[in-house]
Amino acid sequence: MGVDRFMNMADTISSPARTHFAIVPNDQADLAVTPKAIWCQADGTIVVRDHLGVDLPYAMKVGQILPLRAARILATGTSGTFYGLA
């Protein structure tokens, strides 16, 4: 791996993501990592539960970013492909 000139910088909510992961929707389990945002890889609807337990669906297009720190992505009602940016 090359030199990361920013590795000693603080990781804040406004800094770029350091990791990414495929989101596997699950009605029963929260995400293992809270993302800074969610990237839409394939058009669809994502049903997101926030940290207050509120569920809302978002219709998303390829390349769209949802700037929400989601707690859970529900399988029921979710279609498309999404990645977490953390």
Protein backbone atom coordinates (compact mmCIF):
# COMPACT_ATOMS: atom_id res chain seq x y z
CA MET A 1 0.00 0.00 0.00
CA GLY A 2 1.24 3.49 -0.79
CA VAL A 3 1.93 6.34 1.62
CA ASP A 4 -1.20 7.87 3.19
CA ARG A 5 -0.30 11.50 3.86
CA PHE A 6 -3.54 11.94 5.81
CA MET A 7 -3.36 8.90 8.13
CA ASN A 8 -2.57 11.09 11.15
CA MET A 9 -5.54 13.39 10.51
CA ALA A 10 -8.69 13.07 12.62
CA ASP A 11 -11.51 11.04 11.09
CA THR A 12 -14.50 13.40 11.36
CA ILE A 13 -18.02 13.27 9.98
CA SER A 14 -17.02 15.71 7.23
CA SER A 15 -13.81 13.91 6.24
CA PRO A 16 -13.85 11.42 3.35
CA ALA A 17 -14.76 7.82 4.09
CA ARG A 18 -11.86 5.52 4.95
CA THR A 19 -13.72 2.27 4.34
CA HIS A 20 -16.59 0.97 2.26
CA PHE A 21 -18.78 -2.10 2.49
CA ALA A 22 -21.66 -3.78 0.71
CA ILE A 23 -24.91 -3.29 2.58
CA VAL A 24 -26.89 -6.48 3.18
CA PRO A 25 -30.43 -5.48 4.17
CA ASN A 26 -31.71 -7.22 7.29
CA ASP A 27 -34.99 -6.70 9.14
CA GLN A 28 -33.56 -8.04 12.42
CA ALA A 29 -29.98 -6.74 12.73
CA ASP A 30 -28.37 -3.32 12.79
CA LEU A 31 -25.42 -2.55 10.54
CA ALA A 32 -22.10 -3.69 12.05
CA VAL A 33 -20.58 -0.30 11.14
CA THR A 34 -22.48 2.99 11.10
CA PRO A 35 -21.80 4.59 7.71
CA LYS A 36 -21.19 8.29 7.16
CA ALA A 37 -23.28 7.97 4.01
CA ILE A 38 -24.84 5.41 1.66
CA TRP A 39 -23.93 5.14 -2.04
CA CYS A 40 -26.46 3.81 -4.57
CA GLN A 41 -24.81 1.35 -6.98
CA ALA A 42 -28.05 0.20 -8.69
CA ASP A 43 -31.41 2.03 -8.77
CA GLY A 44 -33.89 1.06 -6.11
CA THR A 45 -35.57 1.93 -2.86
CA ILE A 46 -33.71 1.71 0.44
CA VAL A 47 -35.63 1.49 3.70
CA VAL A 48 -33.50 3.05 6.42
CA ARG A 49 -33.88 2.92 10.20
CA ASP A 50 -32.21 5.80 12.00
CA HIS A 51 -30.79 5.74 15.53
CA LEU A 52 -34.15 6.86 16.95
CA GLY A 53 -35.87 3.80 15.43
CA VAL A 54 -37.66 5.70 12.65
CA ASP A 55 -37.99 3.81 9.33
CA LEU A 56 -38.30 5.70 6.03
CA PRO A 57 -38.00 4.62 2.37
CA TYR A 58 -35.80 6.56 -0.06
CA ALA A 59 -36.06 6.12 -3.85
CA MET A 60 -32.48 6.34 -5.13
CA LYS A 61 -30.76 6.47 -8.51
CA VAL A 62 -27.29 5.19 -9.46
CA GLY A 63 -24.58 7.47 -8.08
CA GLN A 64 -26.84 9.15 -5.55
CA ILE A 65 -25.53 9.54 -2.00
CA LEU A 66 -27.75 9.47 1.07
CA PRO A 67 -25.89 11.48 3.76
CA LEU A 68 -27.40 9.62 6.71
CA ARG A 69 -25.74 7.65 9.51
CA ALA A 70 -28.15 4.73 9.33
CA ALA A 71 -28.55 2.17 12.10
CA ARG A 72 -30.26 -0.51 9.99
CA ILE A 73 -31.23 -1.16 6.38
CA LEU A 74 -34.43 -3.18 6.26
CA ALA A 75 -34.81 -6.05 3.80
CA THR A 76 -38.57 -5.49 3.56
CA GLY A 77 -39.10 -2.80 0.94
CA THR A 78 -35.44 -2.46 -0.07
CA SER A 79 -34.42 -3.10 -3.68
CA GLY A 80 -31.28 -2.05 -5.54
CA THR A 81 -27.63 -2.25 -4.52
CA PHE A 82 -26.12 -0.01 -1.86
CA TYR A 83 -22.69 0.51 -0.28
CA GLY A 84 -21.88 2.03 3.10
CA LEU A 85 -19.17 4.70 3.25
CA ALA A 86 -17.56 4.85 6.68
